[in-house]
Amino acid sequence: MNDQGILYEVTLLVEPARAPALERYMRTHHIPAILRTSCFYNIRFDEAPEGKFRTCYRAHSFAELERYLQDYAPSFRAEFQADFPSGVTLTRETWTVRQEWQRE
């Protein structure tokens, strides 16, 4: 197990007209459902200007991320595609946390 954790980030570029529906979907349905899988212990949802959103999923280990990708991701991705067949471009990246600093 990596003491620092694994980050799985999904960046979404959304057509402006679709942004409110996408944000609502992510906050009320998609992210809570993924959190219930117990593959991630923390999920953060961010917004940047001009229809850009980022979801950062934090797992304790690569094995937990792999379990999500194998057991859950296909159905979540299919559901997302059915609800947003166009107007959203996704990129996915996996990061290994090396060190964090916090001000006390």
PDB file of N, CA and C in Angstrom:
ATOM      1  N   MET A   1       0.841  -1.187   0.000  1.00  0.00           N
ATOM      2  CA  MET A   1       0.000   0.000   0.000  1.00  0.00           C
ATOM      3  C   MET A   1       0.878   1.240   0.000  1.00  0.00           C
ATOM      4  N   ASN A   2       0.534   2.193  -0.820  1.00  0.00           N
ATOM      5  CA  ASN A   2       1.244   3.458  -0.868  1.00  0.00           C
ATOM      6  C   ASN A   2       0.714   4.345   0.241  1.00  0.00           C
ATOM      7  N   ASP A   3       1.590   4.804   1.127  1.00  0.00           N
ATOM      8  CA  ASP A   3       1.156   5.638   2.252  1.00  0.00           C
ATOM      9  C   ASP A   3       0.510   6.939   1.790  1.00  0.00           C
ATOM     10  N   GLN A   4       0.936   7.439   0.661  1.00  0.00           N
ATOM     11  CA  GLN A   4       0.444   8.731   0.198  1.00  0.00           C
ATOM     12  C   GLN A   4      -0.827   8.620  -0.636  1.00  0.00           C
ATOM     13  N   GLY A   5      -1.049   7.498  -1.289  1.00  0.00           N
ATOM     14  CA  GLY A   5      -2.282   7.296  -2.026  1.00  0.00           C
ATOM     15  C   GLY A   5      -2.155   7.456  -3.528  1.00  0.00           C
ATOM     16  N   ILE A   6      -3.268   7.169  -4.176  1.00  0.00           N
ATOM     17  CA  ILE A   6      -3.393   7.237  -5.628  1.00  0.00           C
ATOM     18  C   ILE A   6      -4.500   8.231  -5.955  1.00  0.00           C
ATOM     19  N   LEU A   7      -4.244   9.093  -6.911  1.00  0.00           N
ATOM     20  CA  LEU A   7      -5.249  10.036  -7.397  1.00  0.00           C
ATOM     21  C   LEU A   7      -5.648   9.634  -8.810  1.00  0.00           C
ATOM     22  N   TYR A   8      -6.938   9.559  -9.031  1.00  0.00           N
ATOM     23  CA  TYR A   8      -7.480   9.287 -10.361  1.00  0.00           C
ATOM     24  C   TYR A   8      -8.273  10.524 -10.731  1.00  0.00           C
ATOM     25  N   GLU A   9      -7.798  11.252 -11.736  1.00  0.00           N
ATOM     26  CA  GLU A   9      -8.437  12.506 -12.111  1.00  0.00           C
ATOM     27  C   GLU A   9      -9.125  12.395 -13.461  1.00  0.00           C
ATOM     28  N   VAL A  10     -10.334  12.914 -13.497  1.00  0.00           N
ATOM     29  CA  VAL A  10     -11.098  12.982 -14.738  1.00  0.00           C
ATOM     30  C   VAL A  10     -11.403  14.451 -14.990  1.00  0.00           C
ATOM     31  N   THR A  11     -10.961  14.961 -16.138  1.00  0.00           N
ATOM     32  CA  THR A  11     -11.230  16.336 -16.523  1.00  0.00           C
ATOM     33  C   THR A  11     -12.315  16.317 -17.588  1.00  0.00           C
ATOM     34  N   LEU A  12     -13.305  17.191 -17.411  1.00  0.00           N
ATOM     35  CA  LEU A  12     -14.446  17.253 -18.317  1.00  0.00           C
ATOM     36  C   LEU A  12     -14.523  18.645 -18.936  1.00  0.00           C
ATOM     37  N   LEU A  13     -14.454  18.733 -20.252  1.00  0.00           N
ATOM     38  CA  LEU A  13     -14.683  19.976 -20.971  1.00  0.00           C
ATOM     39  C   LEU A  13     -16.108  19.916 -21.505  1.00  0.00           C
ATOM     40  N   VAL A  14     -16.917  20.880 -21.085  1.00  0.00           N
ATOM     41  CA  VAL A  14     -18.355  20.814 -21.328  1.00  0.00           C
ATOM     42  C   VAL A  14     -18.813  22.020 -22.147  1.00  0.00           C
ATOM     43  N   GLU A  15     -19.650  21.772 -23.127  1.00  0.00           N
ATOM     44  CA  GLU A  15     -20.277  22.886 -23.840  1.00  0.00           C
ATOM     45  C   GLU A  15     -21.067  23.712 -22.831  1.00  0.00           C
ATOM     46  N   PRO A  16     -20.977  25.039 -22.897  1.00  0.00           N
ATOM     47  CA  PRO A  16     -21.609  25.890 -21.879  1.00  0.00           C
ATOM     48  C   PRO A  16     -23.082  25.590 -21.609  1.00  0.00           C
ATOM     49  N   ALA A  17     -23.833  25.259 -22.623  1.00  0.00           N
ATOM     50  CA  ALA A  17     -25.259  24.982 -22.429  1.00  0.00           C
ATOM     51  C   ALA A  17     -25.482  23.713 -21.605  1.00  0.00           C
ATOM     52  N   ARG A  18     -24.525  22.799 -21.619  1.00  0.00           N
ATOM     53  CA  ARG A  18     -24.655  21.523 -20.892  1.00  0.00           C
ATOM     54  C   ARG A  18     -24.087  21.580 -19.471  1.00  0.00           C
ATOM     55  N   ALA A  19     -23.342  22.638 -19.161  1.00  0.00           N
ATOM     56  CA  ALA A  19     -22.641  22.714 -17.875  1.00  0.00           C
ATOM     57  C   ALA A  19     -23.555  22.598 -16.653  1.00  0.00           C
ATOM     58  N   PRO A  20     -24.687  23.305 -16.582  1.00  0.00           N
ATOM     59  CA  PRO A  20     -25.541  23.169 -15.398  1.00  0.00           C
ATOM     60  C   PRO A  20     -26.065  21.744 -15.196  1.00  0.00           C
ATOM     61  N   ALA A  21     -26.463  21.087 -16.282  1.00  0.00           N
ATOM     62  CA  ALA A  21     -26.965  19.716 -16.169  1.00  0.00           C
ATOM     63  C   ALA A  21     -25.854  18.765 -15.757  1.00  0.00           C
ATOM     64  N   LEU A  22     -24.663  18.962 -16.312  1.00  0.00           N
ATOM     65  CA  LEU A  22     -23.544  18.105 -15.951  1.00  0.00           C
ATOM     66  C   LEU A  22     -23.184  18.284 -14.469  1.00  0.00           C
ATOM     67  N   GLU A  23     -23.097  19.506 -14.014  1.00  0.00           N
ATOM     68  CA  GLU A  23     -22.761  19.737 -12.604  1.00  0.00           C
ATOM     69  C   GLU A  23     -23.794  19.096 -11.677  1.00  0.00           C
ATOM     70  N   ARG A  24     -25.049  19.263 -11.986  1.00  0.00           N
ATOM     71  CA  ARG A  24     -26.114  18.663 -11.172  1.00  0.00           C
ATOM     72  C   ARG A  24     -25.998  17.136 -11.155  1.00  0.00           C
ATOM     73  N   TYR A  25     -25.782  16.551 -12.309  1.00  0.00           N
ATOM     74  CA  TYR A  25     -25.643  15.101 -12.444  1.00  0.00           C
ATOM     75  C   TYR A  25     -24.459  14.594 -11.620  1.00  0.00           C
ATOM     76  N   MET A  26     -23.330  15.264 -11.744  1.00  0.00           N
ATOM     77  CA  MET A  26     -22.125  14.839 -11.026  1.00  0.00           C
ATOM     78  C   MET A  26     -22.323  14.933  -9.515  1.00  0.00           C
ATOM     79  N   ARG A  27     -22.898  16.031  -9.052  1.00  0.00           N
ATOM     80  CA  ARG A  27     -23.007  16.274  -7.612  1.00  0.00           C
ATOM     81  C   ARG A  27     -24.106  15.466  -6.938  1.00  0.00           C
ATOM     82  N   THR A  28     -25.178  15.201  -7.646  1.00  0.00           N
ATOM     83  CA  THR A  28     -26.308  14.521  -7.000  1.00  0.00           C
ATOM     84  C   THR A  28     -26.390  13.032  -7.306  1.00  0.00           C
ATOM     85  N   HIS A  29     -25.726  12.584  -8.373  1.00  0.00           N
ATOM     86  CA  HIS A  29     -25.862  11.172  -8.763  1.00  0.00           C
ATOM     87  C   HIS A  29     -24.508  10.468  -8.923  1.00  0.00           C
ATOM     88  N   HIS A  30     -23.733  10.909  -9.893  1.00  0.00           N
ATOM     89  CA  HIS A  30     -22.529  10.175 -10.316  1.00  0.00           C
ATOM     90  C   HIS A  30     -21.498  10.033  -9.191  1.00  0.00           C
ATOM     91  N   ILE A  31     -21.081  11.117  -8.610  1.00  0.00           N
ATOM     92  CA  ILE A  31     -20.046  11.059  -7.574  1.00  0.00           C
ATOM     93  C   ILE A  31     -20.530  10.319  -6.328  1.00  0.00           C
ATOM     94  N   PRO A  32     -21.730  10.599  -5.806  1.00  0.00           N
ATOM     95  CA  PRO A  32     -22.186   9.814  -4.651  1.00  0.00           C
ATOM     96  C   PRO A  32     -22.243   8.305  -4.941  1.00  0.00           C
ATOM     97  N   ALA A  33     -22.631   7.927  -6.157  1.00  0.00           N
ATOM     98  CA  ALA A  33     -22.692   6.505  -6.503  1.00  0.00           C
ATOM     99  C   ALA A  33     -21.291   5.893  -6.537  1.00  0.00           C
ATOM    100  N   ILE A  34     -20.325   6.607  -7.065  1.00  0.00           N
ATOM    101  CA  ILE A  34     -18.957   6.096  -7.093  1.00  0.00           C
ATOM    102  C   ILE A  34     -18.393   5.989  -5.679  1.00  0.00           C
ATOM    103  N   LEU A  35     -18.674   6.940  -4.835  1.00  0.00           N
ATOM    104  CA  LEU A  35     -18.192   6.885  -3.453  1.00  0.00           C
ATOM    105  C   LEU A  35     -18.737   5.654  -2.735  1.00  0.00           C
ATOM    106  N   ARG A  36     -19.960   5.264  -3.051  1.00  0.00           N
ATOM    107  CA  ARG A  36     -20.562   4.079  -2.422  1.00  0.00           C
ATOM    108  C   ARG A  36     -19.869   2.766  -2.809  1.00  0.00           C
ATOM    109  N   THR A  37     -19.035   2.771  -3.851  1.00  0.00           N
ATOM    110  CA  THR A  37     -18.303   1.557  -4.214  1.00  0.00           C
ATOM    111  C   THR A  37     -17.225   1.209  -3.188  1.00  0.00           C
ATOM    112  N   SER A  38     -16.844   2.168  -2.370  1.00  0.00           N
ATOM    113  CA  SER A  38     -15.766   2.022  -1.374  1.00  0.00           C
ATOM    114  C   SER A  38     -14.385   1.854  -2.002  1.00  0.00           C
ATOM    115  N   CYS A  39     -14.252   2.118  -3.271  1.00  0.00           N
ATOM    116  CA  CYS A  39     -12.937   2.059  -3.912  1.00  0.00           C
ATOM    117  C   CYS A  39     -12.114   3.310  -3.607  1.00  0.00           C
ATOM    118  N   PHE A  40     -12.801   4.395  -3.300  1.00  0.00           N
ATOM    119  CA  PHE A  40     -12.143   5.672  -3.016  1.00  0.00           C
ATOM    120  C   PHE A  40     -12.580   6.159  -1.646  1.00  0.00           C
ATOM    121  N   TYR A  41     -11.656   6.784  -0.931  1.00  0.00           N
ATOM    122  CA  TYR A  41     -12.013   7.317   0.383  1.00  0.00           C
ATOM    123  C   TYR A  41     -12.302   8.808   0.345  1.00  0.00           C
ATOM    124  N   ASN A  42     -12.005   9.449  -0.786  1.00  0.00           N
ATOM    125  CA  ASN A  42     -12.253  10.881  -0.921  1.00  0.00           C
ATOM    126  C   ASN A  42     -12.473  11.183  -2.389  1.00  0.00           C
ATOM    127  N   ILE A  43     -13.442  12.054  -2.672  1.00  0.00           N
ATOM    128  CA  ILE A  43     -13.672  12.519  -4.042  1.00  0.00           C
ATOM    129  C   ILE A  43     -13.882  14.030  -3.976  1.00  0.00           C
ATOM    130  N   ARG A  44     -13.188  14.736  -4.848  1.00  0.00           N
ATOM    131  CA  ARG A  44     -13.316  16.195  -4.911  1.00  0.00           C
ATOM    132  C   ARG A  44     -13.785  16.581  -6.310  1.00  0.00           C
ATOM    133  N   PHE A  45     -14.692  17.542  -6.379  1.00  0.00           N
ATOM    134  CA  PHE A  45     -15.230  18.020  -7.652  1.00  0.00           C
ATOM    135  C   PHE A  45     -14.920  19.510  -7.757  1.00  0.00           C
ATOM    136  N   ASP A  46     -14.229  19.915  -8.816  1.00  0.00           N
ATOM    137  CA  ASP A  46     -13.788  21.298  -9.002  1.00  0.00           C
ATOM    138  C   ASP A  46     -14.327  21.866 -10.307  1.00  0.00           C
ATOM    139  N   GLU A  47     -14.429  23.188 -10.340  1.00  0.00           N
ATOM    140  CA  GLU A  47     -14.845  23.885 -11.555  1.00  0.00           C
ATOM    141  C   GLU A  47     -13.842  24.972 -11.885  1.00  0.00           C
ATOM    142  N   ALA A  48     -13.518  25.098 -13.150  1.00  0.00           N
ATOM    143  CA  ALA A  48     -12.684  26.178 -13.666  1.00  0.00           C
ATOM    144  C   ALA A  48     -13.532  26.968 -14.655  1.00  0.00           C
ATOM    145  N   PRO A  49     -13.072  28.130 -15.059  1.00  0.00           N
ATOM    146  CA  PRO A  49     -13.857  28.910 -16.030  1.00  0.00           C
ATOM    147  C   PRO A  49     -14.084  28.160 -17.343  1.00  0.00           C
ATOM    148  N   GLU A  50     -15.079  28.616 -18.042  1.00  0.00           N
ATOM    149  CA  GLU A  50     -15.389  28.187 -19.408  1.00  0.00           C
ATOM    150  C   GLU A  50     -15.706  26.706 -19.548  1.00  0.00           C
ATOM    151  N   GLY A  51     -16.540  26.188 -18.651  1.00  0.00           N
ATOM    152  CA  GLY A  51     -17.046  24.832 -18.804  1.00  0.00           C
ATOM    153  C   GLY A  51     -16.044  23.726 -18.568  1.00  0.00           C
ATOM    154  N   LYS A  52     -15.122  23.943 -17.664  1.00  0.00           N
ATOM    155  CA  LYS A  52     -14.141  22.909 -17.350  1.00  0.00           C
ATOM    156  C   LYS A  52     -14.347  22.451 -15.910  1.00  0.00           C
ATOM    157  N   PHE A  53     -14.492  21.138 -15.744  1.00  0.00           N
ATOM    158  CA  PHE A  53     -14.667  20.537 -14.428  1.00  0.00           C
ATOM    159  C   PHE A  53     -13.598  19.464 -14.245  1.00  0.00           C
ATOM    160  N   ARG A  54     -13.301  19.184 -12.986  1.00  0.00           N
ATOM    161  CA  ARG A  54     -12.344  18.122 -12.672  1.00  0.00           C
ATOM    162  C   ARG A  54     -12.852  17.360 -11.458  1.00  0.00           C
ATOM    163  N   THR A  55     -12.784  16.048 -11.564  1.00  0.00           N
ATOM    164  CA  THR A  55     -13.122  15.192 -10.439  1.00  0.00           C
ATOM    165  C   THR A  55     -11.849  14.453 -10.046  1.00  0.00           C
ATOM    166  N   CYS A  56     -11.497  14.526  -8.768  1.00  0.00           N
ATOM    167  CA  CYS A  56     -10.299  13.875  -8.267  1.00  0.00           C
ATOM    168  C   CYS A  56     -10.716  12.813  -7.255  1.00  0.00           C
ATOM    169  N   TYR A  57     -10.468  11.577  -7.617  1.00  0.00           N
ATOM    170  CA  TYR A  57     -10.830  10.431  -6.787  1.00  0.00           C
ATOM    171  C   TYR A  57      -9.562   9.963  -6.071  1.00  0.00           C
ATOM    172  N   ARG A  58      -9.633   9.777  -4.769  1.00  0.00           N
ATOM    173  CA  ARG A  58      -8.448   9.390  -4.001  1.00  0.00           C
ATOM    174  C   ARG A  58      -8.636   7.998  -3.405  1.00  0.00           C
ATOM    175  N   ALA A  59      -7.690   7.106  -3.741  1.00  0.00           N
ATOM    176  CA  ALA A  59      -7.709   5.731  -3.241  1.00  0.00           C
ATOM    177  C   ALA A  59      -6.482   5.502  -2.371  1.00  0.00           C
ATOM    178  N   HIS A  60      -6.586   4.551  -1.448  1.00  0.00           N
ATOM    179  CA  HIS A  60      -5.444   4.217  -0.607  1.00  0.00           C
ATOM    180  C   HIS A  60      -4.370   3.470  -1.384  1.00  0.00           C
ATOM    181  N   SER A  61      -4.768   2.732  -2.420  1.00  0.00           N
ATOM    182  CA  SER A  61      -3.802   1.902  -3.141  1.00  0.00           C
ATOM    183  C   SER A  61      -4.187   1.776  -4.607  1.00  0.00           C
ATOM    184  N   PHE A  62      -3.202   1.362  -5.396  1.00  0.00           N
ATOM    185  CA  PHE A  62      -3.451   1.105  -6.806  1.00  0.00           C
ATOM    186  C   PHE A  62      -4.433  -0.048  -6.976  1.00  0.00           C
ATOM    187  N   ALA A  63      -4.396  -1.017  -6.058  1.00  0.00           N
ATOM    188  CA  ALA A  63      -5.328  -2.159  -6.128  1.00  0.00           C
ATOM    189  C   ALA A  63      -6.775  -1.690  -6.022  1.00  0.00           C
ATOM    190  N   GLU A  64      -7.042  -0.695  -5.184  1.00  0.00           N
ATOM    191  CA  GLU A  64      -8.411  -0.164  -5.073  1.00  0.00           C
ATOM    192  C   GLU A  64      -8.836   0.520  -6.366  1.00  0.00           C
ATOM    193  N   LEU A  65      -7.914   1.259  -6.970  1.00  0.00           N
ATOM    194  CA  LEU A  65      -8.220   1.891  -8.256  1.00  0.00           C
ATOM    195  C   LEU A  65      -8.481   0.819  -9.313  1.00  0.00           C
ATOM    196  N   GLU A  66      -7.663  -0.196  -9.356  1.00  0.00           N
ATOM    197  CA  GLU A  66      -7.848  -1.281 -10.318  1.00  0.00           C
ATOM    198  C   GLU A  66      -9.195  -1.972 -10.122  1.00  0.00           C
ATOM    199  N   ARG A  67      -9.582  -2.179  -8.871  1.00  0.00           N
ATOM    200  CA  ARG A  67     -10.890  -2.784  -8.587  1.00  0.00           C
ATOM    201  C   ARG A  67     -12.011  -1.915  -9.146  1.00  0.00           C
ATOM    202  N   TYR A  68     -11.896  -0.595  -8.960  1.00  0.00           N
ATOM    203  CA  TYR A  68     -12.896   0.315  -9.520  1.00  0.00           C
ATOM    204  C   TYR A  68     -12.924   0.212 -11.047  1.00  0.00           C
ATOM    205  N   LEU A  69     -11.749   0.294 -11.665  1.00  0.00           N
ATOM    206  CA  LEU A  69     -11.677   0.283 -13.128  1.00  0.00           C
ATOM    207  C   LEU A  69     -12.214  -1.014 -13.712  1.00  0.00           C
ATOM    208  N   GLN A  70     -11.980  -2.117 -13.052  1.00  0.00           N
ATOM    209  CA  GLN A  70     -12.429  -3.416 -13.562  1.00  0.00           C
ATOM    210  C   GLN A  70     -13.893  -3.695 -13.238  1.00  0.00           C
ATOM    211  N   ASP A  71     -14.294  -3.456 -12.000  1.00  0.00           N
ATOM    212  CA  ASP A  71     -15.623  -3.880 -11.550  1.00  0.00           C
ATOM    213  C   ASP A  71     -16.728  -2.847 -11.736  1.00  0.00           C
ATOM    214  N   TYR A  72     -16.376  -1.567 -11.730  1.00  0.00           N
ATOM    215  CA  TYR A  72     -17.409  -0.526 -11.711  1.00  0.00           C
ATOM    216  C   TYR A  72     -17.355   0.450 -12.882  1.00  0.00           C
ATOM    217  N   ALA A  73     -16.155   0.818 -13.323  1.00  0.00           N
ATOM    218  CA  ALA A  73     -16.032   1.873 -14.336  1.00  0.00           C
ATOM    219  C   ALA A  73     -16.826   1.605 -15.616  1.00  0.00           C
ATOM    220  N   PRO A  74     -16.833   0.391 -16.140  1.00  0.00           N
ATOM    221  CA  PRO A  74     -17.586   0.198 -17.395  1.00  0.00           C
ATOM    222  C   PRO A  74     -19.062   0.608 -17.290  1.00  0.00           C
ATOM    223  N   SER A  75     -19.728   0.247 -16.212  1.00  0.00           N
ATOM    224  CA  SER A  75     -21.148   0.605 -16.101  1.00  0.00           C
ATOM    225  C   SER A  75     -21.332   2.102 -15.829  1.00  0.00           C
ATOM    226  N   PHE A  76     -20.445   2.699 -15.017  1.00  0.00           N
ATOM    227  CA  PHE A  76     -20.555   4.145 -14.788  1.00  0.00           C
ATOM    228  C   PHE A  76     -20.304   4.920 -16.081  1.00  0.00           C
ATOM    229  N   ARG A  77     -19.345   4.480 -16.856  1.00  0.00           N
ATOM    230  CA  ARG A  77     -19.041   5.159 -18.121  1.00  0.00           C
ATOM    231  C   ARG A  77     -20.190   5.018 -19.116  1.00  0.00           C
ATOM    232  N   ALA A  78     -20.796   3.856 -19.172  1.00  0.00           N
ATOM    233  CA  ALA A  78     -21.939   3.649 -20.074  1.00  0.00           C
ATOM    234  C   ALA A  78     -23.117   4.516 -19.665  1.00  0.00           C
ATOM    235  N   GLU A  79     -23.365   4.588 -18.373  1.00  0.00           N
ATOM    236  CA  GLU A  79     -24.463   5.423 -17.878  1.00  0.00           C
ATOM    237  C   GLU A  79     -24.208   6.897 -18.191  1.00  0.00           C
ATOM    238  N   PHE A  80     -22.973   7.346 -17.960  1.00  0.00           N
ATOM    239  CA  PHE A  80     -22.615   8.735 -18.256  1.00  0.00           C
ATOM    240  C   PHE A  80     -22.804   9.020 -19.742  1.00  0.00           C
ATOM    241  N   GLN A  81     -22.338   8.119 -20.586  1.00  0.00           N
ATOM    242  CA  GLN A  81     -22.455   8.295 -22.038  1.00  0.00           C
ATOM    243  C   GLN A  81     -23.919   8.355 -22.480  1.00  0.00           C
ATOM    244  N   ALA A  82     -24.771   7.596 -21.823  1.00  0.00           N
ATOM    245  CA  ALA A  82     -26.199   7.624 -22.161  1.00  0.00           C
ATOM    246  C   ALA A  82     -26.819   8.966 -21.790  1.00  0.00           C
ATOM    247  N   ASP A  83     -26.382   9.536 -20.664  1.00  0.00           N
ATOM    248  CA  ASP A  83     -26.936  10.825 -20.220  1.00  0.00           C
ATOM    249  C   ASP A  83     -26.298  12.015 -20.928  1.00  0.00           C
ATOM    250  N   PHE A  84     -25.041  11.864 -21.348  1.00  0.00           N
ATOM    251  CA  PHE A  84     -24.321  12.943 -22.028  1.00  0.00           C
ATOM    252  C   PHE A  84     -23.644  12.386 -23.281  1.00  0.00           C
ATOM    253  N   PRO A  85     -24.448  12.063 -24.304  1.00  0.00           N
ATOM    254  CA  PRO A  85     -23.883  11.454 -25.514  1.00  0.00           C
ATOM    255  C   PRO A  85     -23.020  12.417 -26.328  1.00  0.00           C
ATOM    256  N   SER A  86     -23.184  13.720 -26.101  1.00  0.00           N
ATOM    257  CA  SER A  86     -22.374  14.711 -26.811  1.00  0.00           C
ATOM    258  C   SER A  86     -22.220  15.941 -25.922  1.00  0.00           C
ATOM    259  N   GLY A  87     -21.287  16.792 -26.307  1.00  0.00           N
ATOM    260  CA  GLY A  87     -21.089  18.044 -25.587  1.00  0.00           C
ATOM    261  C   GLY A  87     -20.135  17.963 -24.416  1.00  0.00           C
ATOM    262  N   VAL A  88     -19.526  16.797 -24.180  1.00  0.00           N
ATOM    263  CA  VAL A  88     -18.574  16.626 -23.085  1.00  0.00           C
ATOM    264  C   VAL A  88     -17.371  15.842 -23.607  1.00  0.00           C
ATOM    265  N   THR A  89     -16.187  16.377 -23.370  1.00  0.00           N
ATOM    266  CA  THR A  89     -14.942  15.693 -23.712  1.00  0.00           C
ATOM    267  C   THR A  89     -14.218  15.357 -22.415  1.00  0.00           C
ATOM    268  N   LEU A  90     -13.793  14.101 -22.274  1.00  0.00           N
ATOM    269  CA  LEU A  90     -13.162  13.627 -21.041  1.00  0.00           C
ATOM    270  C   LEU A  90     -11.694  13.286 -21.259  1.00  0.00           C
ATOM    271  N   THR A  91     -10.888  13.538 -20.236  1.00  0.00           N
ATOM    272  CA  THR A  91      -9.528  13.005 -20.178  1.00  0.00           C
ATOM    273  C   THR A  91      -9.356  12.393 -18.793  1.00  0.00           C
ATOM    274  N   ARG A  92      -8.586  11.330 -18.717  1.00  0.00           N
ATOM    275  CA  ARG A  92      -8.368  10.617 -17.450  1.00  0.00           C
ATOM    276  C   ARG A  92      -6.871  10.464 -17.211  1.00  0.00           C
ATOM    277  N   GLU A  93      -6.457  10.665 -15.948  1.00  0.00           N
ATOM    278  CA  GLU A  93      -5.060  10.492 -15.570  1.00  0.00           C
ATOM    279  C   GLU A  93      -4.986   9.860 -14.187  1.00  0.00           C
ATOM    280  N   THR A  94      -3.944   9.065 -13.981  1.00  0.00           N
ATOM    281  CA  THR A  94      -3.683   8.474 -12.676  1.00  0.00           C
ATOM    282  C   THR A  94      -2.382   9.056 -12.144  1.00  0.00           C
ATOM    283  N   TRP A  95      -2.414   9.483 -10.881  1.00  0.00           N
ATOM    284  CA  TRP A  95      -1.257  10.086 -10.239  1.00  0.00           C
ATOM    285  C   TRP A  95      -0.946   9.331  -8.953  1.00  0.00           C
ATOM    286  N   THR A  96       0.331   9.217  -8.647  1.00  0.00           N
ATOM    287  CA  THR A  96       0.765   8.680  -7.365  1.00  0.00           C
ATOM    288  C   THR A  96       1.233   9.851  -6.515  1.00  0.00           C
ATOM    289  N   VAL A  97       0.644  10.019  -5.360  1.00  0.00           N
ATOM    290  CA  VAL A  97       1.030  11.108  -4.470  1.00  0.00           C
ATOM    291  C   VAL A  97       2.397  10.778  -3.876  1.00  0.00           C
ATOM    292  N   ARG A  98       3.322  11.688  -3.996  1.00  0.00           N
ATOM    293  CA  ARG A  98       4.668  11.492  -3.464  1.00  0.00           C
ATOM    294  C   ARG A  98       4.839  12.152  -2.098  1.00  0.00           C
ATOM    295  N   GLN A  99       4.285  13.335  -1.945  1.00  0.00           N
ATOM    296  CA  GLN A  99       4.397  14.027  -0.665  1.00  0.00           C
ATOM    297  C   GLN A  99       3.363  15.137  -0.637  1.00  0.00           C
ATOM    298  N   GLU A 100       2.897  15.433   0.572  1.00  0.00           N
ATOM    299  CA  GLU A 100       1.961  16.535   0.783  1.00  0.00           C
ATOM    300  C   GLU A 100       2.467  17.401   1.923  1.00  0.00           C
ATOM    301  N   TRP A 101       2.176  18.666   1.841  1.00  0.00           N
ATOM    302  CA  TRP A 101       2.517  19.596   2.912  1.00  0.00           C
ATOM    303  C   TRP A 101       1.235  20.247   3.398  1.00  0.00           C
ATOM    304  N   GLN A 102       1.149  20.447   4.689  1.00  0.00           N
ATOM    305  CA  GLN A 102       0.008  21.143   5.265  1.00  0.00           C
ATOM    306  C   GLN A 102       0.503  22.159   6.286  1.00  0.00           C
ATOM    307  N   ARG A 103      -0.100  23.288   6.247  1.00  0.00           N
ATOM    308  CA  ARG A 103       0.214  24.309   7.243  1.00  0.00           C
ATOM    309  C   ARG A 103      -0.534  23.987   8.510  1.00  0.00           C
ATOM    310  N   GLU A 104       0.104  24.089   9.600  1.00  0.00           N
ATOM    311  CA  GLU A 104      -0.560  23.756  10.872  1.00  0.00           C
ATOM    312  C   GLU A 104      -1.215  24.955  11.488  1.00  0.00           C
TER     313      GLU A 104
END
